[in-house]
Amino acid sequence: ITAAAEAQAYSSGKAGTIKVAVNKNGDIFVDGQKETEITA
């Protein structure tokens, strides 16, 4: 989660609080993107 949030912040230039969603299977979603990549 930390790595995903940092990668998103680095690529977008955003600072502050970034929301990360995690499902039961352990999939990571940062700003609506699974591990910063759109899968579908």
PDB file of all heavy atoms in Angstrom:
ATOM      1  N   ILE A   1       0.841  -1.204   0.000  1.00  0.00           N
ATOM      2  CA  ILE A   1       0.000   0.000   0.000  1.00  0.00           C
ATOM      3  C   ILE A   1       0.872   1.249   0.000  1.00  0.00           C
ATOM      4  O   ILE A   1       0.636   2.211  -0.734  1.00  0.00           O
ATOM      5  CB  ILE A   1      -0.938   0.004   1.228  1.00  0.00           C
ATOM      6  CG1 ILE A   1      -1.957  -1.141   1.107  1.00  0.00           C
ATOM      7  CG2 ILE A   1      -1.667   1.331   1.355  1.00  0.00           C
ATOM      8  CD1 ILE A   1      -2.770  -1.351   2.353  1.00  0.00           C
ATOM      9  N   THR A   2       1.895   1.233   0.848  1.00  0.00           N
ATOM     10  CA  THR A   2       2.793   2.389   0.927  1.00  0.00           C
ATOM     11  C   THR A   2       3.461   2.661  -0.416  1.00  0.00           C
ATOM     12  O   THR A   2       3.509   3.805  -0.891  1.00  0.00           O
ATOM     13  CB  THR A   2       3.873   2.139   1.995  1.00  0.00           C
ATOM     14  OG1 THR A   2       3.240   1.879   3.245  1.00  0.00           O
ATOM     15  CG2 THR A   2       4.788   3.358   2.127  1.00  0.00           C
ATOM     16  N   ALA A   3       3.955   1.601  -1.056  1.00  0.00           N
ATOM     17  CA  ALA A   3       4.628   1.768  -2.346  1.00  0.00           C
ATOM     18  C   ALA A   3       3.664   2.276  -3.405  1.00  0.00           C
ATOM     19  O   ALA A   3       3.999   3.141  -4.221  1.00  0.00           O
ATOM     20  CB  ALA A   3       5.248   0.443  -2.780  1.00  0.00           C
ATOM     21  N   ALA A   4       2.443   1.737  -3.395  1.00  0.00           N
ATOM     22  CA  ALA A   4       1.455   2.159  -4.385  1.00  0.00           C
ATOM     23  C   ALA A   4       1.081   3.617  -4.199  1.00  0.00           C
ATOM     24  O   ALA A   4       0.955   4.389  -5.158  1.00  0.00           O
ATOM     25  CB  ALA A   4       0.217   1.273  -4.299  1.00  0.00           C
ATOM     26  N   ALA A   5       0.896   4.022  -2.948  1.00  0.00           N
ATOM     27  CA  ALA A   5       0.540   5.414  -2.667  1.00  0.00           C
ATOM     28  C   ALA A   5       1.668   6.359  -3.059  1.00  0.00           C
ATOM     29  O   ALA A   5       1.452   7.423  -3.636  1.00  0.00           O
ATOM     30  CB  ALA A   5       0.209   5.575  -1.187  1.00  0.00           C
ATOM     31  N   GLU A   6       2.893   5.946  -2.760  1.00  0.00           N
ATOM     32  CA  GLU A   6       4.045   6.791  -3.101  1.00  0.00           C
ATOM     33  C   GLU A   6       4.206   6.919  -4.609  1.00  0.00           C
ATOM     34  O   GLU A   6       4.476   8.007  -5.135  1.00  0.00           O
ATOM     35  CB  GLU A   6       5.306   6.202  -2.490  1.00  0.00           C
ATOM     36  CG  GLU A   6       6.554   7.041  -2.764  1.00  0.00           C
ATOM     37  CD  GLU A   6       7.786   6.446  -2.112  1.00  0.00           C
ATOM     38  OE1 GLU A   6       7.651   5.787  -1.076  1.00  0.00           O
ATOM     39  OE2 GLU A   6       8.876   6.652  -2.666  1.00  0.00           O
ATOM     40  N   ALA A   7       4.016   5.804  -5.320  1.00  0.00           N
ATOM     41  CA  ALA A   7       4.131   5.842  -6.785  1.00  0.00           C
ATOM     42  C   ALA A   7       3.084   6.771  -7.383  1.00  0.00           C
ATOM     43  O   ALA A   7       3.357   7.531  -8.313  1.00  0.00           O
ATOM     44  CB  ALA A   7       3.982   4.432  -7.349  1.00  0.00           C
ATOM     45  N   GLN A   8       1.867   6.713  -6.834  1.00  0.00           N
ATOM     46  CA  GLN A   8       0.806   7.576  -7.340  1.00  0.00           C
ATOM     47  C   GLN A   8       1.133   9.040  -7.064  1.00  0.00           C
ATOM     48  O   GLN A   8       0.946   9.908  -7.911  1.00  0.00           O
ATOM     49  CB  GLN A   8      -0.529   7.202  -6.685  1.00  0.00           C
ATOM     50  CG  GLN A   8      -1.702   8.085  -7.077  1.00  0.00           C
ATOM     51  CD  GLN A   8      -2.076   7.915  -8.542  1.00  0.00           C
ATOM     52  OE1 GLN A   8      -1.582   7.013  -9.210  1.00  0.00           O
ATOM     53  NE2 GLN A   8      -2.920   8.787  -9.047  1.00  0.00           N
ATOM     54  N   ALA A   9       1.643   9.315  -5.860  1.00  0.00           N
ATOM     55  CA  ALA A   9       1.987  10.693  -5.513  1.00  0.00           C
ATOM     56  C   ALA A   9       3.112  11.210  -6.391  1.00  0.00           C
ATOM     57  O   ALA A   9       3.097  12.360  -6.829  1.00  0.00           O
ATOM     58  CB  ALA A   9       2.399  10.774  -4.044  1.00  0.00           C
ATOM     59  N   TYR A  10       4.069  10.342  -6.685  1.00  0.00           N
ATOM     60  CA  TYR A  10       5.205  10.753  -7.502  1.00  0.00           C
ATOM     61  C   TYR A  10       4.776  11.079  -8.927  1.00  0.00           C
ATOM     62  O   TYR A  10       5.192  12.063  -9.524  1.00  0.00           O
ATOM     63  CB  TYR A  10       6.264   9.658  -7.510  1.00  0.00           C
ATOM     64  CG  TYR A  10       7.497   9.999  -8.296  1.00  0.00           C
ATOM     65  CD1 TYR A  10       8.480  10.811  -7.742  1.00  0.00           C
ATOM     66  CD2 TYR A  10       7.673   9.542  -9.587  1.00  0.00           C
ATOM     67  CE1 TYR A  10       9.618  11.154  -8.464  1.00  0.00           C
ATOM     68  CE2 TYR A  10       8.799   9.880 -10.313  1.00  0.00           C
ATOM     69  CZ  TYR A  10       9.761  10.677  -9.741  1.00  0.00           C
ATOM     70  OH  TYR A  10      10.870  11.017 -10.460  1.00  0.00           O
ATOM     71  N   SER A  11       3.898  10.232  -9.481  1.00  0.00           N
ATOM     72  CA  SER A  11       3.496  10.419 -10.870  1.00  0.00           C
ATOM     73  C   SER A  11       2.514  11.572 -11.039  1.00  0.00           C
ATOM     74  O   SER A  11       2.502  12.237 -12.072  1.00  0.00           O
ATOM     75  CB  SER A  11       2.875   9.126 -11.412  1.00  0.00           C
ATOM     76  OG  SER A  11       1.718   8.800 -10.669  1.00  0.00           O
ATOM     77  N   SER A  12       1.698  11.805 -10.031  1.00  0.00           N
ATOM     78  CA  SER A  12       0.680  12.849 -10.159  1.00  0.00           C
ATOM     79  C   SER A  12       1.127  14.193  -9.596  1.00  0.00           C
ATOM     80  O   SER A  12       0.528  15.228  -9.884  1.00  0.00           O
ATOM     81  CB  SER A  12      -0.602  12.412  -9.437  1.00  0.00           C
ATOM     82  OG  SER A  12      -0.364  12.314  -8.039  1.00  0.00           O
ATOM     83  N   GLY A  13       2.179  14.157  -8.776  1.00  0.00           N
ATOM     84  CA  GLY A  13       2.631  15.401  -8.155  1.00  0.00           C
ATOM     85  C   GLY A  13       1.784  15.821  -6.974  1.00  0.00           C
ATOM     86  O   GLY A  13       1.901  16.934  -6.463  1.00  0.00           O
ATOM     87  N   LYS A  14       0.916  14.927  -6.501  1.00  0.00           N
ATOM     88  CA  LYS A  14       0.030  15.262  -5.383  1.00  0.00           C
ATOM     89  C   LYS A  14       0.753  15.070  -4.057  1.00  0.00           C
ATOM     90  O   LYS A  14       1.614  14.235  -3.917  1.00  0.00           O
ATOM     91  CB  LYS A  14      -1.224  14.392  -5.416  1.00  0.00           C
ATOM     92  CG  LYS A  14      -2.119  14.624  -6.630  1.00  0.00           C
ATOM     93  CD  LYS A  14      -3.315  13.693  -6.587  1.00  0.00           C
ATOM     94  CE  LYS A  14      -4.199  13.909  -7.795  1.00  0.00           C
ATOM     95  NZ  LYS A  14      -5.351  12.977  -7.803  1.00  0.00           N
ATOM     96  N   ALA A  15       0.366  15.852  -3.088  1.00  0.00           N
ATOM     97  CA  ALA A  15       0.887  15.694  -1.744  1.00  0.00           C
ATOM     98  C   ALA A  15      -0.304  15.615  -0.798  1.00  0.00           C
ATOM     99  O   ALA A  15      -1.445  15.842  -1.183  1.00  0.00           O
ATOM    100  CB  ALA A  15       1.794  16.853  -1.381  1.00  0.00           C
ATOM    101  N   GLY A  16      -0.036  15.303   0.472  1.00  0.00           N
ATOM    102  CA  GLY A  16      -1.109  15.242   1.451  1.00  0.00           C
ATOM    103  C   GLY A  16      -1.640  13.834   1.593  1.00  0.00           C
ATOM    104  O   GLY A  16      -0.880  12.868   1.611  1.00  0.00           O
ATOM    105  N   THR A  17      -2.954  13.692   1.678  1.00  0.00           N
ATOM    106  CA  THR A  17      -3.570  12.388   1.915  1.00  0.00           C
ATOM    107  C   THR A  17      -4.042  11.766   0.611  1.00  0.00           C
ATOM    108  O   THR A  17      -4.739  12.378  -0.177  1.00  0.00           O
ATOM    109  CB  THR A  17      -4.766  12.526   2.873  1.00  0.00           C
ATOM    110  OG1 THR A  17      -4.307  13.068   4.103  1.00  0.00           O
ATOM    111  CG2 THR A  17      -5.416  11.165   3.121  1.00  0.00           C
ATOM    112  N   ILE A  18      -3.643  10.540   0.403  1.00  0.00           N
ATOM    113  CA  ILE A  18      -4.077   9.786  -0.768  1.00  0.00           C
ATOM    114  C   ILE A  18      -4.861   8.572  -0.283  1.00  0.00           C
ATOM    115  O   ILE A  18      -4.429   7.852   0.619  1.00  0.00           O
ATOM    116  CB  ILE A  18      -2.871   9.346  -1.609  1.00  0.00           C
ATOM    117  CG1 ILE A  18      -2.230  10.571  -2.255  1.00  0.00           C
ATOM    118  CG2 ILE A  18      -3.286   8.348  -2.681  1.00  0.00           C
ATOM    119  CD1 ILE A  18      -1.031  10.251  -3.081  1.00  0.00           C
ATOM    120  N   LYS A  19      -6.039   8.361  -0.860  1.00  0.00           N
ATOM    121  CA  LYS A  19      -6.871   7.241  -0.437  1.00  0.00           C
ATOM    122  C   LYS A  19      -6.515   5.985  -1.229  1.00  0.00           C
ATOM    123  O   LYS A  19      -6.386   6.011  -2.437  1.00  0.00           O
ATOM    124  CB  LYS A  19      -8.346   7.579  -0.621  1.00  0.00           C
ATOM    125  CG  LYS A  19      -8.853   8.629   0.365  1.00  0.00           C
ATOM    126  CD  LYS A  19     -10.346   8.851   0.219  1.00  0.00           C
ATOM    127  CE  LYS A  19     -10.838   9.850   1.264  1.00  0.00           C
ATOM    128  NZ  LYS A  19     -12.303  10.079   1.155  1.00  0.00           N
ATOM    129  N   VAL A  20      -6.377   4.913  -0.474  1.00  0.00           N
ATOM    130  CA  VAL A  20      -6.044   3.629  -1.080  1.00  0.00           C
ATOM    131  C   VAL A  20      -7.148   2.641  -0.728  1.00  0.00           C
ATOM    132  O   VAL A  20      -7.561   2.553   0.429  1.00  0.00           O
ATOM    133  CB  VAL A  20      -4.690   3.105  -0.566  1.00  0.00           C
ATOM    134  CG1 VAL A  20      -4.362   1.758  -1.190  1.00  0.00           C
ATOM    135  CG2 VAL A  20      -3.599   4.109  -0.865  1.00  0.00           C
ATOM    136  N   ALA A  21      -7.648   1.915  -1.712  1.00  0.00           N
ATOM    137  CA  ALA A  21      -8.668   0.897  -1.471  1.00  0.00           C
ATOM    138  C   ALA A  21      -8.047  -0.481  -1.570  1.00  0.00           C
ATOM    139  O   ALA A  21      -7.225  -0.738  -2.441  1.00  0.00           O
ATOM    140  CB  ALA A  21      -9.805   1.041  -2.472  1.00  0.00           C
ATOM    141  N   VAL A  22      -8.425  -1.364  -0.663  1.00  0.00           N
ATOM    142  CA  VAL A  22      -7.915  -2.731  -0.651  1.00  0.00           C
ATOM    143  C   VAL A  22      -9.106  -3.680  -0.564  1.00  0.00           C
ATOM    144  O   VAL A  22      -9.981  -3.504   0.282  1.00  0.00           O
ATOM    145  CB  VAL A  22      -6.977  -2.965   0.557  1.00  0.00           C
ATOM    146  CG1 VAL A  22      -6.377  -4.361   0.492  1.00  0.00           C
ATOM    147  CG2 VAL A  22      -5.892  -1.918   0.600  1.00  0.00           C
ATOM    148  N   ASN A  23      -9.152  -4.673  -1.425  1.00  0.00           N
ATOM    149  CA  ASN A  23     -10.247  -5.638  -1.299  1.00  0.00           C
ATOM    150  C   ASN A  23      -9.786  -6.861  -0.514  1.00  0.00           C
ATOM    151  O   ASN A  23      -8.610  -6.983  -0.134  1.00  0.00           O
ATOM    152  CB  ASN A  23     -10.821  -6.005  -2.667  1.00  0.00           C
ATOM    153  CG  ASN A  23      -9.841  -6.805  -3.517  1.00  0.00           C
ATOM    154  OD1 ASN A  23      -8.817  -7.260  -3.042  1.00  0.00           O
ATOM    155  ND2 ASN A  23     -10.168  -6.973  -4.785  1.00  0.00           N
ATOM    156  N   LYS A  24     -10.702  -7.751  -0.305  1.00  0.00           N
ATOM    157  CA  LYS A  24     -10.432  -8.907   0.546  1.00  0.00           C
ATOM    158  C   LYS A  24      -9.338  -9.795  -0.024  1.00  0.00           C
ATOM    159  O   LYS A  24      -8.634 -10.492   0.714  1.00  0.00           O
ATOM    160  CB  LYS A  24     -11.731  -9.698   0.733  1.00  0.00           C
ATOM    161  CG  LYS A  24     -11.635 -10.802   1.780  1.00  0.00           C
ATOM    162  CD  LYS A  24     -12.990 -11.436   1.976  1.00  0.00           C
ATOM    163  CE  LYS A  24     -12.906 -12.538   3.037  1.00  0.00           C
ATOM    164  NZ  LYS A  24     -14.238 -13.159   3.270  1.00  0.00           N
ATOM    165  N   ASN A  25      -9.202  -9.759  -1.349  1.00  0.00           N
ATOM    166  CA  ASN A  25      -8.181 -10.593  -1.992  1.00  0.00           C
ATOM    167  C   ASN A  25      -6.794  -9.969  -1.941  1.00  0.00           C
ATOM    168  O   ASN A  25      -5.833 -10.553  -2.432  1.00  0.00           O
ATOM    169  CB  ASN A  25      -8.567 -10.840  -3.450  1.00  0.00           C
ATOM    170  CG  ASN A  25      -9.869 -11.600  -3.562  1.00  0.00           C
ATOM    171  OD1 ASN A  25     -10.152 -12.461  -2.737  1.00  0.00           O
ATOM    172  ND2 ASN A  25     -10.661 -11.262  -4.568  1.00  0.00           N
ATOM    173  N   GLY A  26      -6.719  -8.768  -1.369  1.00  0.00           N
ATOM    174  CA  GLY A  26      -5.424  -8.100  -1.274  1.00  0.00           C
ATOM    175  C   GLY A  26      -5.070  -7.261  -2.473  1.00  0.00           C
ATOM    176  O   GLY A  26      -3.940  -6.794  -2.588  1.00  0.00           O
ATOM    177  N   ASP A  27      -6.012  -7.033  -3.385  1.00  0.00           N
ATOM    178  CA  ASP A  27      -5.751  -6.168  -4.533  1.00  0.00           C
ATOM    179  C   ASP A  27      -5.712  -4.713  -4.082  1.00  0.00           C
ATOM    180  O   ASP A  27      -6.531  -4.275  -3.266  1.00  0.00           O
ATOM    181  CB  ASP A  27      -6.839  -6.340  -5.600  1.00  0.00           C
ATOM    182  CG  ASP A  27      -6.831  -7.749  -6.189  1.00  0.00           C
ATOM    183  OD1 ASP A  27      -5.728  -8.297  -6.338  1.00  0.00           O
ATOM    184  OD2 ASP A  27      -7.926  -8.262  -6.483  1.00  0.00           O
ATOM    185  N   ILE A  28      -4.771  -3.961  -4.621  1.00  0.00           N
ATOM    186  CA  ILE A  28      -4.570  -2.566  -4.234  1.00  0.00           C
ATOM    187  C   ILE A  28      -5.150  -1.648  -5.300  1.00  0.00           C
ATOM    188  O   ILE A  28      -4.940  -1.856  -6.494  1.00  0.00           O
ATOM    189  CB  ILE A  28      -3.071  -2.242  -4.074  1.00  0.00           C
ATOM    190  CG1 ILE A  28      -2.416  -3.250  -3.119  1.00  0.00           C
ATOM    191  CG2 ILE A  28      -2.873  -0.817  -3.566  1.00  0.00           C
ATOM    192  CD1 ILE A  28      -2.917  -3.178  -1.711  1.00  0.00           C
ATOM    193  N   PHE A  29      -5.884  -0.606  -4.860  1.00  0.00           N
ATOM    194  CA  PHE A  29      -6.403   0.400  -5.780  1.00  0.00           C
ATOM    195  C   PHE A  29      -6.030   1.774  -5.250  1.00  0.00           C
ATOM    196  O   PHE A  29      -6.405   2.138  -4.134  1.00  0.00           O
ATOM    197  CB  PHE A  29      -7.929   0.291  -5.908  1.00  0.00           C
ATOM    198  CG  PHE A  29      -8.379  -1.022  -6.476  1.00  0.00           C
ATOM    199  CD1 PHE A  29      -8.593  -2.120  -5.657  1.00  0.00           C
ATOM    200  CD2 PHE A  29      -8.553  -1.159  -7.836  1.00  0.00           C
ATOM    201  CE1 PHE A  29      -8.983  -3.329  -6.192  1.00  0.00           C
ATOM    202  CE2 PHE A  29      -8.950  -2.375  -8.380  1.00  0.00           C
ATOM    203  CZ  PHE A  29      -9.169  -3.466  -7.548  1.00  0.00           C
ATOM    204  N   VAL A  30      -5.255   2.519  -6.024  1.00  0.00           N
ATOM    205  CA  VAL A  30      -4.869   3.880  -5.651  1.00  0.00           C
ATOM    206  C   VAL A  30      -5.563   4.831  -6.603  1.00  0.00           C
ATOM    207  O   VAL A  30      -5.363   4.765  -7.816  1.00  0.00           O
ATOM    208  CB  VAL A  30      -3.340   4.080  -5.728  1.00  0.00           C
ATOM    209  CG1 VAL A  30      -2.980   5.482  -5.272  1.00  0.00           C
ATOM    210  CG2 VAL A  30      -2.637   3.046  -4.880  1.00  0.00           C
ATOM    211  N   ASP A  31      -6.378   5.726  -6.045  1.00  0.00           N
ATOM    212  CA  ASP A  31      -7.155   6.658  -6.867  1.00  0.00           C
ATOM    213  C   ASP A  31      -7.915   5.933  -7.974  1.00  0.00           C
ATOM    214  O   ASP A  31      -7.976   6.368  -9.117  1.00  0.00           O
ATOM    215  CB  ASP A  31      -6.242   7.726  -7.490  1.00  0.00           C
ATOM    216  CG  ASP A  31      -5.906   8.812  -6.476  1.00  0.00           C
ATOM    217  OD1 ASP A  31      -6.477   8.767  -5.364  1.00  0.00           O
ATOM    218  OD2 ASP A  31      -5.106   9.689  -6.795  1.00  0.00           O
ATOM    219  N   GLY A  32      -8.477   4.798  -7.619  1.00  0.00           N
ATOM    220  CA  GLY A  32      -9.312   4.074  -8.564  1.00  0.00           C
ATOM    221  C   GLY A  32      -8.570   3.204  -9.547  1.00  0.00           C
ATOM    222  O   GLY A  32      -9.181   2.607 -10.418  1.00  0.00           O
ATOM    223  N   GLN A  33      -7.259   3.107  -9.430  1.00  0.00           N
ATOM    224  CA  GLN A  33      -6.496   2.305 -10.382  1.00  0.00           C
ATOM    225  C   GLN A  33      -5.799   1.166  -9.652  1.00  0.00           C
ATOM    226  O   GLN A  33      -5.166   1.366  -8.625  1.00  0.00           O
ATOM    227  CB  GLN A  33      -5.453   3.165 -11.107  1.00  0.00           C
ATOM    228  CG  GLN A  33      -6.060   4.289 -11.917  1.00  0.00           C
ATOM    229  CD  GLN A  33      -5.000   5.075 -12.660  1.00  0.00           C
ATOM    230  OE1 GLN A  33      -3.955   4.553 -12.969  1.00  0.00           O
ATOM    231  NE2 GLN A  33      -5.301   6.317 -12.950  1.00  0.00           N
ATOM    232  N   LYS A  34      -5.931  -0.011 -10.216  1.00  0.00           N
ATOM    233  CA  LYS A  34      -5.328  -1.176  -9.589  1.00  0.00           C
ATOM    234  C   LYS A  34      -3.819  -1.136  -9.757  1.00  0.00           C
ATOM    235  O   LYS A  34      -3.305  -1.241 -10.866  1.00  0.00           O
ATOM    236  CB  LYS A  34      -5.899  -2.456 -10.203  1.00  0.00           C
ATOM    237  CG  LYS A  34      -5.397  -3.731  -9.527  1.00  0.00           C
ATOM    238  CD  LYS A  34      -6.059  -4.951 -10.127  1.00  0.00           C
ATOM    239  CE  LYS A  34      -5.573  -6.216  -9.444  1.00  0.00           C
ATOM    240  NZ  LYS A  34      -6.210  -7.426 -10.002  1.00  0.00           N
ATOM    241  N   GLU A  35      -3.133  -0.981  -8.623  1.00  0.00           N
ATOM    242  CA  GLU A  35      -1.676  -0.877  -8.631  1.00  0.00           C
ATOM    243  C   GLU A  35      -1.196   0.114  -9.694  1.00  0.00           C
ATOM    244  O   GLU A  35      -0.255  -0.139 -10.430  1.00  0.00           O
ATOM    245  CB  GLU A  35      -1.040  -2.254  -8.842  1.00  0.00           C
ATOM    246  CG  GLU A  35      -1.340  -3.212  -7.704  1.00  0.00           C
ATOM    247  CD  GLU A  35      -0.698  -4.574  -7.890  1.00  0.00           C
ATOM    248  OE1 GLU A  35       0.191  -4.692  -8.739  1.00  0.00           O
ATOM    249  OE2 GLU A  35      -1.090  -5.502  -7.183  1.00  0.00           O
ATOM    250  N   THR A  36      -1.912   1.222  -9.759  1.00  0.00           N
ATOM    251  CA  THR A  36      -1.628   2.369 -10.642  1.00  0.00           C
ATOM    252  C   THR A  36      -1.778   2.032 -12.122  1.00  0.00           C
ATOM    253  O   THR A  36      -1.346   2.786 -12.968  1.00  0.00           O
ATOM    254  CB  THR A  36      -0.217   2.943 -10.403  1.00  0.00           C
ATOM    255  OG1 THR A  36       0.741   2.019 -10.894  1.00  0.00           O
ATOM    256  CG2 THR A  36       0.036   3.242  -8.949  1.00  0.00           C
ATOM    257  N   GLU A  37      -2.409   0.888 -12.437  1.00  0.00           N
ATOM    258  CA  GLU A  37      -2.637   0.558 -13.841  1.00  0.00           C
ATOM    259  C   GLU A  37      -4.108   0.225 -14.060  1.00  0.00           C
ATOM    260  O   GLU A  37      -4.725  -0.472 -13.254  1.00  0.00           O
ATOM    261  CB  GLU A  37      -1.801  -0.649 -14.271  1.00  0.00           C
ATOM    262  CG  GLU A  37      -0.307  -0.375 -14.304  1.00  0.00           C
ATOM    263  CD  GLU A  37       0.469  -1.579 -14.772  1.00  0.00           C
ATOM    264  OE1 GLU A  37      -0.174  -2.578 -15.130  1.00  0.00           O
ATOM    265  OE2 GLU A  37       1.709  -1.509 -14.781  1.00  0.00           O
ATOM    266  N   ILE A  38      -4.690   0.731 -15.138  1.00  0.00           N
ATOM    267  CA  ILE A  38      -6.078   0.433 -15.474  1.00  0.00           C
ATOM    268  C   ILE A  38      -6.126  -0.950 -16.111  1.00  0.00           C
ATOM    269  O   ILE A  38      -5.484  -1.198 -17.129  1.00  0.00           O
ATOM    270  CB  ILE A  38      -6.649   1.483 -16.438  1.00  0.00           C
ATOM    271  CG1 ILE A  38      -6.616   2.862 -15.775  1.00  0.00           C
ATOM    272  CG2 ILE A  38      -8.066   1.137 -16.856  1.00  0.00           C
ATOM    273  CD1 ILE A  38      -7.013   3.988 -16.698  1.00  0.00           C
ATOM    274  N   THR A  39      -6.909  -1.839 -15.512  1.00  0.00           N
ATOM    275  CA  THR A  39      -6.945  -3.219 -16.001  1.00  0.00           C
ATOM    276  C   THR A  39      -8.119  -3.479 -16.930  1.00  0.00           C
ATOM    277  O   THR A  39      -8.101  -4.425 -17.704  1.00  0.00           O
ATOM    278  CB  THR A  39      -7.016  -4.198 -14.825  1.00  0.00           C
ATOM    279  OG1 THR A  39      -8.171  -3.875 -14.028  1.00  0.00           O
ATOM    280  CG2 THR A  39      -5.784  -4.071 -13.958  1.00  0.00           C
ATOM    281  N   ALA A  40      -9.180  -2.692 -16.832  1.00  0.00           N
ATOM    282  CA  ALA A  40     -10.344  -2.895 -17.698  1.00  0.00           C
ATOM    283  C   ALA A  40     -11.059  -1.573 -17.889  1.00  0.00           C
ATOM    284  O   ALA A  40     -11.061  -0.732 -16.994  1.00  0.00           O
ATOM    285  CB  ALA A  40     -11.285  -3.919 -17.089  1.00  0.00           C
TER     286      ALA A  40
END
